[in-house]
Amino acid sequence: MYSALGISEEVIKLASEAEENLKEEFNKIEKIEEYNSIKVLNAFQKNEISEIHFNSTTGYGYGDIGRDTTEKVFADIFKAEDGIVRGQFISGTHALTVTLFALLRPGDTLLSITGKPYDTLDEVIGIVDNPSSLKSFNINFEQIDLKENNEFGFEQIENRLKNGNIKVIEIQRSKGYSTRKSITIDQLEKVIKFIKQINKDIIIMIDNCYCEFVDTKEPTEVGADIVVGSLIKNLGGGIAPNGAYVVGKKNLIDLVAERLTVPGEGKEVGPTLGITKSILQGIFMAPSVVSASLKTAVFASYCLEKLGYDVEPKFNVKRADIVQTINFNNPEKLIKYCQGIQAGSPIDSNSTPEPWDMPGYTDKVIMAAGAFTQGSSIELSCDGPIRKPYTAFMQGGLTYQYGKLGVLKAIQNIM
């Protein structure tokens, strides 16, 4: 059957070796999956989800019991005071943007303590000039880079906070298009406690994209004030067609809601247009889908390291997100690997992705995603900027078997 996909005996042998040596890692992932499945099931049962919650609303969306209860489910899963979960959010970047504009006012300062945020926020913040940026509203931005050992710069953070005038601290857990490691929940807990001891009033905002259900705790469980993520990544389970979530303290969620909709109306408006069932089914499936994505990443890490490539994380290292990076140090190999992922996808497998000037990015980017939902990175996808060290950022896999086949096709393509 492998020959039907053009996969050689040599690659099949590598896959068999990998799976034999990954049983212990897979078992660890399955235990986390079970824990998070219990967490989700409890939230569904506590909020008495029934078919009435799948009903659709239009227009203003007043009195939408399905929308309101879905937001309670998300808040309970995160052990947060409140949440807003909407299809009106176009993407994770949109939800982050709305949250930043909701929390910050002219003269305030935003501080990132994980270095420069993801490329698509450059124009939002004003790192790249844009007349609609935070900078254009006289909102300042500063950053403190992580240390070489991927630890937070505690001394620099303390010195900066003691000088005052910081309103929001943003922490991006996933690595984005950098080569640093992603931030674990243990690291997050340590730095949040440190910050709150210096100034308990600073708002700590977490970009949680790619990180949900990778561990047994979420950022709001270790002291974060507000957490943002996308529904076409982990928590959509490959079922939600769009949308994002924001969870956290009620007074902050109220501000976000009034920035997304209208001051004075906030969470009370916003039609669901038939999306609620997909969102609920997606979060229900998310622990299993995230588990499949993690297994796919671990499998890829093992195989590509065996082939001599620099991978991060290593296959047996505790993970913070579903992203697997492979440094090819060669633009052609990066392109070939992404093209292999596309060829191993169920949708548009006959298409050949090429690097292009994608909106929101400063370098040409190649993106492979044969996905049922456009841009869905919980489905197997792989992308990377065409810049040194020519790193592929791979994530997703709705099932482990499909993820494995995609990886094998990509490996075959670079061999």
Protein backbone atom coordinates (compact mmCIF):
# COMPACT_ATOMS: atom_id res chain seq x y z
CA MET A 1 0.00 0.00 0.00
CA TYR A 2 2.88 2.40 0.69
CA SER A 3 4.01 2.06 -2.91
CA ALA A 4 0.71 3.66 -4.01
CA LEU A 5 1.96 6.85 -2.32
CA GLY A 6 5.41 6.54 -3.86
CA ILE A 7 7.09 5.74 -0.52
CA SER A 8 10.21 3.57 -0.78
CA GLU A 9 11.23 0.54 1.31
CA GLU A 10 14.04 2.60 2.82
CA VAL A 11 11.59 5.16 4.20
CA ILE A 12 9.19 2.44 5.40
CA LYS A 13 12.05 0.82 7.31
CA LEU A 14 12.86 4.15 8.98
CA ALA A 15 9.19 4.52 9.99
CA SER A 16 9.09 1.05 11.54
CA GLU A 17 12.22 1.75 13.56
CA ALA A 18 10.77 5.06 14.75
CA GLU A 19 7.49 3.57 15.94
CA GLU A 20 9.27 0.78 17.79
CA ASN A 21 11.32 3.35 19.70
CA LEU A 22 8.51 5.84 20.33
CA LYS A 23 6.10 3.68 22.34
CA GLU A 24 7.01 5.32 25.65
CA GLU A 25 6.64 8.85 24.23
CA PHE A 26 3.28 7.99 22.67
CA ASN A 27 2.10 6.59 26.01
CA LYS A 28 2.93 9.89 27.75
CA ILE A 29 0.95 11.81 25.13
CA GLU A 30 -2.06 9.51 25.54
CA LYS A 31 -2.15 10.10 29.30
CA ILE A 32 -2.32 13.87 28.74
CA GLU A 33 -5.05 13.28 26.15
CA GLU A 34 -7.10 11.34 28.69
CA TYR A 35 -6.67 14.02 31.36
CA ASN A 36 -7.81 16.79 29.02
CA SER A 37 -10.69 14.68 27.74
CA ILE A 38 -11.97 14.43 31.32
CA LYS A 39 -11.61 18.21 31.69
CA VAL A 40 -13.67 18.82 28.52
CA LEU A 41 -16.35 16.23 29.37
CA ASN A 42 -16.79 17.75 32.83
CA ALA A 43 -17.32 21.20 31.30
CA PHE A 44 -19.94 19.85 28.87
CA GLN A 45 -21.81 18.05 31.64
CA LYS A 46 -21.59 20.94 34.13
CA ASN A 47 -23.19 23.26 31.55
CA GLU A 48 -25.77 20.64 30.51
CA ILE A 49 -25.05 20.87 26.78
CA SER A 50 -27.98 19.65 24.71
CA GLU A 51 -29.27 19.96 21.16
CA ILE A 52 -30.90 23.29 21.96
CA HIS A 53 -27.41 24.79 22.20
CA PHE A 54 -26.76 23.93 18.52
CA ASN A 55 -29.46 26.34 17.29
CA SER A 56 -28.44 29.24 15.05
CA THR A 57 -29.08 32.96 15.40
CA THR A 58 -28.89 35.78 12.84
CA GLY A 59 -28.92 39.56 12.88
CA TYR A 60 -27.97 40.97 16.28
CA GLY A 61 -27.87 37.55 17.95
CA TYR A 62 -29.72 38.63 21.08
CA GLY A 63 -30.40 35.89 23.63
CA ASP A 64 -28.25 33.25 21.95
CA ILE A 65 -28.19 30.50 24.58
CA GLY A 66 -25.82 28.32 22.54
CA ARG A 67 -23.24 31.09 22.17
CA ASP A 68 -23.44 32.07 25.83
CA THR A 69 -23.18 28.48 27.08
CA THR A 70 -20.29 27.66 24.73
CA GLU A 71 -18.40 30.57 26.28
CA LYS A 72 -19.07 29.13 29.74
CA VAL A 73 -17.71 25.76 28.57
CA PHE A 74 -14.46 27.37 27.41
CA ALA A 75 -14.16 29.38 30.64
CA ASP A 76 -14.63 26.22 32.71
CA ILE A 77 -12.03 24.28 30.72
CA PHE A 78 -9.53 27.09 31.33
CA LYS A 79 -10.69 27.63 34.94
CA ALA A 80 -11.23 31.28 33.97
CA GLU A 81 -13.83 33.80 35.12
CA ASP A 82 -15.23 34.41 31.64
CA GLY A 83 -14.61 33.94 27.93
CA ILE A 84 -15.60 35.13 24.49
CA VAL A 85 -15.68 32.53 21.69
CA ARG A 86 -16.77 33.86 18.32
CA GLY A 87 -16.75 33.14 14.62
CA GLN A 88 -16.49 36.92 14.17
CA PHE A 89 -12.80 36.54 15.02
CA ILE A 90 -11.12 35.90 11.65
CA SER A 91 -7.99 34.33 13.12
CA GLY A 92 -5.74 34.12 16.15
CA THR A 93 -3.97 37.28 14.97
CA HIS A 94 -7.32 39.08 14.81
CA ALA A 95 -8.20 37.97 18.36
CA LEU A 96 -4.78 39.12 19.60
CA THR A 97 -5.25 42.47 17.85
CA VAL A 98 -8.71 43.01 19.31
CA THR A 99 -7.40 42.11 22.77
CA LEU A 100 -4.42 44.47 22.54
CA PHE A 101 -6.60 47.38 21.39
CA ALA A 102 -9.10 46.54 24.15
CA LEU A 103 -6.52 46.59 26.95
CA LEU A 104 -4.22 49.44 25.90
CA ARG A 105 -4.82 53.20 25.77
CA PRO A 106 -2.78 56.12 24.35
CA GLY A 107 0.37 56.57 26.41
CA ASP A 108 0.39 52.96 27.66
CA THR A 109 3.30 50.60 27.08
CA LEU A 110 3.11 47.01 25.87
CA LEU A 111 6.08 44.83 26.88
CA SER A 112 6.86 41.48 25.24
CA ILE A 113 9.17 39.31 27.37
CA THR A 114 9.59 36.62 24.71
CA GLY A 115 11.30 38.86 22.17
CA LYS A 116 9.62 40.08 19.01
CA PRO A 117 6.11 38.66 18.54
CA TYR A 118 5.02 36.65 15.50
CA ASP A 119 5.46 38.32 12.10
CA THR A 120 1.74 39.01 11.54
CA LEU A 121 1.72 41.33 14.57
CA ASP A 122 4.48 43.59 13.19
CA GLU A 123 2.02 46.02 11.59
CA VAL A 124 -0.46 45.65 14.46
CA ILE A 125 2.12 46.84 16.98
CA GLY A 126 3.83 49.30 14.64
CA ILE A 127 7.19 47.57 14.30
CA VAL A 128 6.41 47.95 10.60
CA ASP A 129 4.72 51.28 9.88
CA ASN A 130 0.96 51.18 9.48
CA PRO A 131 -1.45 54.07 10.12
CA SER A 132 -3.82 51.69 11.96
CA SER A 133 -1.17 50.28 14.34
CA LEU A 134 -0.98 50.59 18.13
CA LYS A 135 1.96 52.93 17.58
CA SER A 136 -0.23 55.29 15.56
CA PHE A 137 -2.44 55.59 18.67
CA ASN A 138 0.61 56.55 20.76
CA ILE A 139 0.85 53.12 22.39
CA ASN A 140 4.47 52.18 23.02
CA PHE A 141 6.11 48.80 22.51
CA GLU A 142 9.19 47.33 24.15
CA GLN A 143 10.67 43.84 24.16
CA ILE A 144 12.99 41.78 26.32
CA ASP A 145 14.53 38.79 24.59
CA LEU A 146 14.79 35.34 26.11
CA LYS A 147 18.21 34.22 27.32
CA GLU A 148 20.32 31.85 25.24
CA ASN A 149 19.15 28.95 27.44
CA ASN A 150 15.53 29.89 26.61
CA GLU A 151 14.95 31.25 30.12
CA PHE A 152 13.23 34.54 30.81
CA GLY A 153 15.44 37.57 31.49
CA PHE A 154 14.29 37.93 35.11
CA GLU A 155 16.79 40.65 35.98
CA GLN A 156 15.88 42.77 32.94
CA ILE A 157 12.16 42.24 33.60
CA GLU A 158 12.52 43.35 37.23
CA ASN A 159 14.54 46.43 36.30
CA ARG A 160 12.03 47.46 33.64
CA LEU A 161 8.98 46.94 35.85
CA LYS A 162 10.47 48.96 38.69
CA ASN A 163 10.73 51.91 36.28
CA GLY A 164 6.93 51.74 35.91
CA ASN A 165 4.59 52.61 33.01
CA ILE A 166 4.02 49.01 31.78
CA LYS A 167 0.31 48.27 31.29
CA VAL A 168 0.37 44.87 29.56
CA ILE A 169 3.00 42.13 29.39
CA GLU A 170 2.58 39.85 26.37
CA ILE A 171 4.02 36.34 26.37
CA GLN A 172 4.00 34.35 23.14
CA ARG A 173 4.31 30.70 24.11
CA SER A 174 4.95 29.20 20.68
CA LYS A 175 8.17 30.05 18.88
CA GLY A 176 6.56 31.63 15.80
CA TYR A 177 9.15 31.91 13.04
CA SER A 178 12.06 32.14 15.47
CA THR A 179 14.45 29.31 16.33
CA ARG A 180 13.94 29.57 20.09
CA LYS A 181 12.18 26.90 22.12
CA SER A 182 8.52 27.29 23.00
CA ILE A 183 7.48 28.23 26.54
CA THR A 184 6.31 25.41 28.81
CA ILE A 185 3.56 25.83 31.38
CA ASP A 186 6.15 25.42 34.17
CA GLN A 187 8.23 28.31 32.79
CA LEU A 188 5.07 30.37 32.47
CA GLU A 189 4.01 29.75 36.07
CA LYS A 190 7.45 30.78 37.36
CA VAL A 191 7.60 34.08 35.45
CA ILE A 192 3.97 35.03 36.20
CA LYS A 193 4.56 34.58 39.93
CA PHE A 194 7.74 36.67 39.62
CA ILE A 195 5.94 39.51 37.80
CA LYS A 196 2.97 39.59 40.18
CA GLN A 197 5.30 39.89 43.19
CA ILE A 198 6.72 43.07 41.64
CA ASN A 199 3.42 44.54 40.43
CA LYS A 200 0.15 42.66 40.89
CA ASP A 201 -1.75 45.14 38.68
CA ILE A 202 0.13 44.49 35.43
CA ILE A 203 -2.04 42.60 32.94
CA ILE A 204 -0.35 39.39 31.77
CA MET A 205 -1.63 38.37 28.34
CA ILE A 206 -0.74 35.02 26.79
CA ASP A 207 -0.67 34.15 23.10
CA ASN A 208 -1.59 30.48 23.54
CA CYS A 209 -1.76 29.50 19.86
CA TYR A 210 -0.54 25.93 19.17
CA CYS A 211 -0.19 25.20 22.91
CA GLU A 212 -3.66 24.18 24.14
CA PHE A 213 -4.02 20.64 25.55
CA VAL A 214 -0.31 19.89 25.07
CA ASP A 215 -0.05 19.74 28.87
CA THR A 216 -2.58 19.23 31.67
CA LYS A 217 -2.75 22.93 32.62
CA GLU A 218 -3.55 26.12 30.74
CA PRO A 219 -2.08 29.60 31.43
CA THR A 220 -5.13 30.85 33.36
CA GLU A 221 -4.54 27.99 35.82
CA VAL A 222 -1.09 29.38 36.67
CA GLY A 223 -1.98 33.04 37.08
CA ALA A 224 -2.34 34.56 33.59
CA ASP A 225 -4.93 37.33 33.40
CA ILE A 226 -6.04 36.79 29.80
CA VAL A 227 -5.35 34.10 27.20
CA VAL A 228 -5.90 34.18 23.43
CA GLY A 229 -5.99 31.41 20.82
CA SER A 230 -7.37 30.34 17.45
CA LEU A 231 -10.09 27.81 16.64
CA ILE A 232 -8.41 26.71 13.43
CA LYS A 233 -5.55 25.49 15.56
CA ASN A 234 -5.71 23.16 18.58
CA LEU A 235 -9.08 23.87 20.16
CA GLY A 236 -11.09 23.71 16.93
CA GLY A 237 -10.26 20.02 16.64
CA GLY A 238 -10.22 20.30 12.85
CA ILE A 239 -14.00 20.84 12.91
CA ALA A 240 -14.55 24.54 13.70
CA PRO A 241 -14.48 26.37 10.33
CA ASN A 242 -13.10 29.62 11.78
CA GLY A 243 -13.03 31.72 14.91
CA ALA A 244 -10.97 32.28 18.04
CA TYR A 245 -11.34 32.48 21.80
CA VAL A 246 -10.27 34.82 24.59
CA VAL A 247 -10.58 33.70 28.22
CA GLY A 248 -9.59 35.30 31.51
CA LYS A 249 -10.73 37.81 34.10
CA LYS A 250 -14.28 39.05 33.60
CA ASN A 251 -13.44 42.76 33.55
CA LEU A 252 -10.86 42.16 30.80
CA ILE A 253 -13.18 39.94 28.75
CA ASP A 254 -15.80 42.73 28.93
CA LEU A 255 -13.27 45.13 27.38
CA VAL A 256 -12.44 42.64 24.62
CA ALA A 257 -16.13 42.06 23.87
CA GLU A 258 -16.79 45.79 23.58
CA ARG A 259 -13.87 46.18 21.20
CA LEU A 260 -15.05 43.26 19.04
CA THR A 261 -18.68 44.41 18.94
CA VAL A 262 -19.96 47.73 20.35
CA PRO A 263 -19.37 49.60 23.64
CA GLY A 264 -22.47 49.11 25.76
CA GLU A 265 -23.44 45.84 24.03
CA GLY A 266 -20.30 43.67 24.28
CA LYS A 267 -21.05 39.94 24.61
CA GLU A 268 -24.80 40.46 24.32
CA VAL A 269 -24.63 40.66 20.52
CA GLY A 270 -23.07 38.55 17.79
CA PRO A 271 -25.04 36.01 15.74
CA THR A 272 -23.69 32.45 15.59
CA LEU A 273 -24.90 31.80 12.01
CA GLY A 274 -24.93 28.03 12.59
CA ILE A 275 -21.34 27.65 13.84
CA THR A 276 -22.02 26.68 17.48
CA LYS A 277 -22.30 22.93 16.95
CA SER A 278 -18.98 22.91 15.06
CA ILE A 279 -17.25 24.86 17.84
CA LEU A 280 -18.59 22.54 20.54
CA GLN A 281 -17.80 19.40 18.56
CA GLY A 282 -14.35 20.80 17.82
CA ILE A 283 -13.45 21.45 21.46
CA PHE A 284 -14.83 18.00 22.32
CA MET A 285 -12.50 16.37 19.78
CA ALA A 286 -9.54 18.65 20.53
CA PRO A 287 -7.75 16.48 23.15
CA SER A 288 -7.66 13.58 20.68
CA VAL A 289 -6.62 15.72 17.70
CA VAL A 290 -3.88 17.48 19.68
CA SER A 291 -2.64 14.05 20.76
CA ALA A 292 -2.47 12.97 17.11
CA SER A 293 -0.60 16.17 16.23
CA LEU A 294 1.93 15.59 19.00
CA LYS A 295 2.52 11.99 17.90
CA THR A 296 3.03 13.20 14.33
CA ALA A 297 5.56 15.79 15.53
CA VAL A 298 7.43 13.26 17.69
CA PHE A 299 7.53 10.81 14.78
CA ALA A 300 8.89 13.48 12.41
CA SER A 301 11.47 14.59 14.98
CA TYR A 302 12.82 11.06 15.37
CA CYS A 303 12.96 10.30 11.65
CA LEU A 304 14.54 13.59 10.55
CA GLU A 305 17.15 13.55 13.29
CA LYS A 306 18.07 10.04 12.14
CA LEU A 307 18.56 11.49 8.66
CA GLY A 308 21.00 14.05 10.06
CA TYR A 309 18.86 17.19 10.32
CA ASP A 310 18.77 19.58 13.27
CA VAL A 311 15.33 19.26 14.89
CA GLU A 312 13.59 21.10 17.72
CA PRO A 313 12.26 19.70 19.97
CA LYS A 314 14.04 16.35 20.09
CA PHE A 315 11.65 13.40 20.04
CA ASN A 316 11.98 12.65 23.77
CA VAL A 317 11.76 16.20 25.16
CA LYS A 318 8.72 17.60 27.01
CA ARG A 319 6.76 19.76 24.58
CA ALA A 320 5.02 23.10 24.95
CA ASP A 321 3.21 23.19 21.58
CA ILE A 322 2.44 21.09 18.52
CA VAL A 323 5.11 22.73 16.35
CA GLN A 324 8.08 20.74 15.08
CA THR A 325 10.96 22.59 13.45
CA ILE A 326 13.55 21.17 11.09
CA ASN A 327 16.59 23.23 10.10
CA PHE A 328 17.56 22.33 6.55
CA ASN A 329 20.25 25.03 6.10
CA ASN A 330 19.29 24.81 2.45
CA PRO A 331 16.39 26.65 0.75
CA GLU A 332 15.80 23.88 -1.81
CA LYS A 333 15.42 21.22 0.93
CA LEU A 334 12.97 23.43 2.84
CA ILE A 335 10.89 23.91 -0.29
CA LYS A 336 11.04 20.20 -1.17
CA TYR A 337 9.91 19.15 2.32
CA CYS A 338 6.92 21.51 2.26
CA GLN A 339 6.01 20.31 -1.22
CA GLY A 340 6.14 16.73 0.08
CA ILE A 341 3.72 17.59 2.89
CA GLN A 342 1.36 19.08 0.29
CA ALA A 343 1.66 15.96 -1.88
CA GLY A 344 0.75 13.83 1.16
CA SER A 345 -2.39 15.85 1.94
CA PRO A 346 -6.02 14.94 1.20
CA ILE A 347 -6.89 18.33 -0.35
CA ASP A 348 -4.97 19.95 -3.24
CA SER A 349 -2.40 17.14 -3.25
CA ASN A 350 -1.87 17.88 -6.95
CA SER A 351 -0.78 21.45 -6.18
CA THR A 352 2.86 22.44 -5.77
CA PRO A 353 3.40 25.27 -3.25
CA GLU A 354 6.06 27.88 -4.02
CA PRO A 355 7.49 30.72 -1.89
CA TRP A 356 5.54 33.97 -2.26
CA ASP A 357 5.13 37.44 -0.75
CA MET A 358 2.40 36.59 1.74
CA PRO A 359 0.53 39.52 3.38
CA GLY A 360 1.79 40.20 6.91
CA TYR A 361 5.27 38.72 6.38
CA THR A 362 8.57 40.47 5.56
CA ASP A 363 10.23 37.47 3.82
CA LYS A 364 8.90 35.21 1.12
CA VAL A 365 7.07 32.30 2.76
CA ILE A 366 6.28 28.80 1.54
CA MET A 367 3.12 27.27 2.97
CA ALA A 368 1.87 23.72 2.50
CA ALA A 369 -1.58 22.92 3.84
CA GLY A 370 -3.85 20.48 2.08
CA ALA A 371 -6.58 21.27 4.58
CA PHE A 372 -10.37 21.05 4.69
CA THR A 373 -10.40 24.51 6.31
CA GLN A 374 -8.29 27.22 4.69
CA GLY A 375 -5.29 28.05 6.88
CA SER A 376 -6.08 25.35 9.43
CA SER A 377 -2.80 24.45 11.11
CA ILE A 378 -4.26 21.72 13.32
CA GLU A 379 -4.53 19.81 10.06
CA LEU A 380 -1.10 18.69 8.84
CA SER A 381 0.71 21.74 7.51
CA CYS A 382 4.25 22.94 7.02
CA ASP A 383 5.62 26.37 6.27
CA GLY A 384 8.64 28.56 6.65
CA PRO A 385 10.19 31.87 5.66
CA ILE A 386 12.85 31.74 2.96
CA ARG A 387 15.64 32.99 5.20
CA LYS A 388 18.55 31.36 7.02
CA PRO A 389 18.71 28.77 8.54
CA TYR A 390 15.86 27.71 6.20
CA THR A 391 13.67 26.19 8.89
CA ALA A 392 10.48 24.23 8.27
CA PHE A 393 7.72 24.75 10.85
CA MET A 394 5.49 21.69 10.80
CA GLN A 395 2.35 21.22 12.84
CA GLY A 396 -0.91 19.34 12.98
CA GLY A 397 -2.35 16.02 11.96
CA LEU A 398 -6.05 15.21 12.45
CA THR A 399 -5.09 11.58 13.04
CA TYR A 400 -1.69 10.09 13.68
CA GLN A 401 -1.93 7.75 10.69
CA TYR A 402 -2.63 10.58 8.24
CA GLY A 403 0.06 12.69 9.88
CA LYS A 404 2.58 9.87 9.61
CA LEU A 405 1.80 9.35 5.92
CA GLY A 406 2.28 13.06 5.22
CA VAL A 407 5.65 13.04 6.97
CA LEU A 408 6.78 9.95 5.07
CA LYS A 409 5.80 11.58 1.77
CA ALA A 410 7.82 14.69 2.72
CA ILE A 411 10.85 12.61 3.72
CA GLN A 412 10.65 10.75 0.43
CA ASN A 413 10.59 14.09 -1.38
CA ILE A 414 13.87 15.28 0.17
CA MET A 415 15.55 11.91 -0.42
